[in-house]
Amino acid sequence: MDEQKILETFGFNFKMYRTKLKLSQDDIIDKTGFSQSYISNVENGKHNLSLINALKLSDAVGKNIESMLKEIE
């Protein structure tokens, strides 16, 4: 898996889990303190996030990092 694919997979999965939980981006902002543009860029695979931020986002949707990096088939 190349770097861009990893970012896109994380972003896709994060958005999928967020919407399944019926959480808005504002809900995630409240949980993490991240900006709306940061969250949007992550969801669109446009931001190379740090490990700490990946953990915070994963926790915000009740998942571990491994599940955030699994490709959905």
C-alpha atoms as a PDB file:
ATOM      1  CA  MET A   1       0.000   0.000   0.000  1.00  0.00           C
ATOM      2  CA  ASP A   2       1.509   3.321  -0.989  1.00  0.00           C
ATOM      3  CA  GLU A   3       1.444   6.447   1.216  1.00  0.00           C
ATOM      4  CA  GLN A   4      -1.461   8.116  -0.587  1.00  0.00           C
ATOM      5  CA  LYS A   5      -3.517   4.921  -0.437  1.00  0.00           C
ATOM      6  CA  ILE A   6      -2.919   4.713   3.337  1.00  0.00           C
ATOM      7  CA  LEU A   7      -4.162   8.288   3.802  1.00  0.00           C
ATOM      8  CA  GLU A   8      -7.186   7.671   1.601  1.00  0.00           C
ATOM      9  CA  THR A   9      -8.039   4.419   3.397  1.00  0.00           C
ATOM     10  CA  PHE A  10      -7.780   6.029   6.832  1.00  0.00           C
ATOM     11  CA  GLY A  11      -9.904   8.972   5.704  1.00  0.00           C
ATOM     12  CA  PHE A  12     -12.539   6.802   4.046  1.00  0.00           C
ATOM     13  CA  ASN A  13     -12.841   4.534   7.079  1.00  0.00           C
ATOM     14  CA  PHE A  14     -12.913   7.446   9.508  1.00  0.00           C
ATOM     15  CA  LYS A  15     -15.768   9.100   7.610  1.00  0.00           C
ATOM     16  CA  MET A  16     -17.621   5.787   7.276  1.00  0.00           C
ATOM     17  CA  TYR A  17     -17.434   5.096  11.034  1.00  0.00           C
ATOM     18  CA  ARG A  18     -18.294   8.721  11.867  1.00  0.00           C
ATOM     19  CA  THR A  19     -21.410   8.665   9.700  1.00  0.00           C
ATOM     20  CA  LYS A  20     -22.459   5.203  10.964  1.00  0.00           C
ATOM     21  CA  LEU A  21     -22.390   6.684  14.462  1.00  0.00           C
ATOM     22  CA  LYS A  22     -24.352   9.696  13.182  1.00  0.00           C
ATOM     23  CA  LEU A  23     -21.574  12.020  14.333  1.00  0.00           C
ATOM     24  CA  SER A  24     -21.119  15.313  12.545  1.00  0.00           C
ATOM     25  CA  GLN A  25     -17.762  16.907  11.912  1.00  0.00           C
ATOM     26  CA  ASP A  26     -18.731  19.349  14.682  1.00  0.00           C
ATOM     27  CA  ASP A  27     -19.106  16.409  17.078  1.00  0.00           C
ATOM     28  CA  ILE A  28     -15.581  15.306  16.167  1.00  0.00           C
ATOM     29  CA  ILE A  29     -14.317  18.865  16.640  1.00  0.00           C
ATOM     30  CA  ASP A  30     -15.786  18.832  20.160  1.00  0.00           C
ATOM     31  CA  LYS A  31     -14.100  15.493  20.939  1.00  0.00           C
ATOM     32  CA  THR A  32     -10.694  16.281  19.455  1.00  0.00           C
ATOM     33  CA  GLY A  33     -10.260  20.034  19.232  1.00  0.00           C
ATOM     34  CA  PHE A  34      -9.273  19.737  15.562  1.00  0.00           C
ATOM     35  CA  SER A  35     -10.534  22.256  13.024  1.00  0.00           C
ATOM     36  CA  GLN A  36     -13.227  21.491  10.468  1.00  0.00           C
ATOM     37  CA  SER A  37     -10.745  21.923   7.615  1.00  0.00           C
ATOM     38  CA  TYR A  38      -8.325  19.452   9.257  1.00  0.00           C
ATOM     39  CA  ILE A  39     -11.067  16.826   9.630  1.00  0.00           C
ATOM     40  CA  SER A  40     -12.254  17.407   6.070  1.00  0.00           C
ATOM     41  CA  ASN A  41      -8.714  17.044   4.720  1.00  0.00           C
ATOM     42  CA  VAL A  42      -8.227  13.812   6.673  1.00  0.00           C
ATOM     43  CA  GLU A  43     -11.517  12.396   5.373  1.00  0.00           C
ATOM     44  CA  ASN A  44     -10.462  13.237   1.825  1.00  0.00           C
ATOM     45  CA  GLY A  45      -6.983  11.693   2.191  1.00  0.00           C
ATOM     46  CA  LYS A  46      -5.297  15.066   1.817  1.00  0.00           C
ATOM     47  CA  HIS A  47      -3.561  15.315   5.176  1.00  0.00           C
ATOM     48  CA  ASN A  48      -0.623  13.265   6.421  1.00  0.00           C
ATOM     49  CA  LEU A  49      -1.638  13.089  10.058  1.00  0.00           C
ATOM     50  CA  SER A  50       0.623  12.250  12.977  1.00  0.00           C
ATOM     51  CA  LEU A  51       0.307   9.006  14.911  1.00  0.00           C
ATOM     52  CA  ILE A  52      -1.090  10.895  17.922  1.00  0.00           C
ATOM     53  CA  ASN A  53      -3.764  12.586  15.799  1.00  0.00           C
ATOM     54  CA  ALA A  54      -4.630   9.261  14.153  1.00  0.00           C
ATOM     55  CA  LEU A  55      -5.129   7.795  17.631  1.00  0.00           C
ATOM     56  CA  LYS A  56      -7.335  10.728  18.676  1.00  0.00           C
ATOM     57  CA  LEU A  57      -9.507  10.413  15.576  1.00  0.00           C
ATOM     58  CA  SER A  58      -9.742   6.635  15.900  1.00  0.00           C
ATOM     59  CA  ASP A  59     -10.768   7.008  19.549  1.00  0.00           C
ATOM     60  CA  ALA A  60     -13.370   9.637  18.629  1.00  0.00           C
ATOM     61  CA  VAL A  61     -15.228   6.978  16.591  1.00  0.00           C
ATOM     62  CA  GLY A  62     -14.505   4.114  19.005  1.00  0.00           C
ATOM     63  CA  LYS A  63     -12.089   2.244  16.754  1.00  0.00           C
ATOM     64  CA  ASN A  64      -8.439   1.239  16.856  1.00  0.00           C
ATOM     65  CA  ILE A  65      -5.921   2.295  14.243  1.00  0.00           C
ATOM     66  CA  GLU A  66      -5.812  -1.189  12.722  1.00  0.00           C
ATOM     67  CA  SER A  67      -9.499  -1.003  11.821  1.00  0.00           C
ATOM     68  CA  MET A  68      -8.974   2.470  10.352  1.00  0.00           C
ATOM     69  CA  LEU A  69      -6.335   1.124   7.974  1.00  0.00           C
ATOM     70  CA  LYS A  70      -8.225  -1.924   6.706  1.00  0.00           C
ATOM     71  CA  GLU A  71      -9.276  -1.708   3.110  1.00  0.00           C
ATOM     72  CA  ILE A  72     -13.010  -2.131   2.633  1.00  0.00           C
ATOM     73  CA  GLU A  73     -13.804  -4.647  -0.062  1.00  0.00           C
END
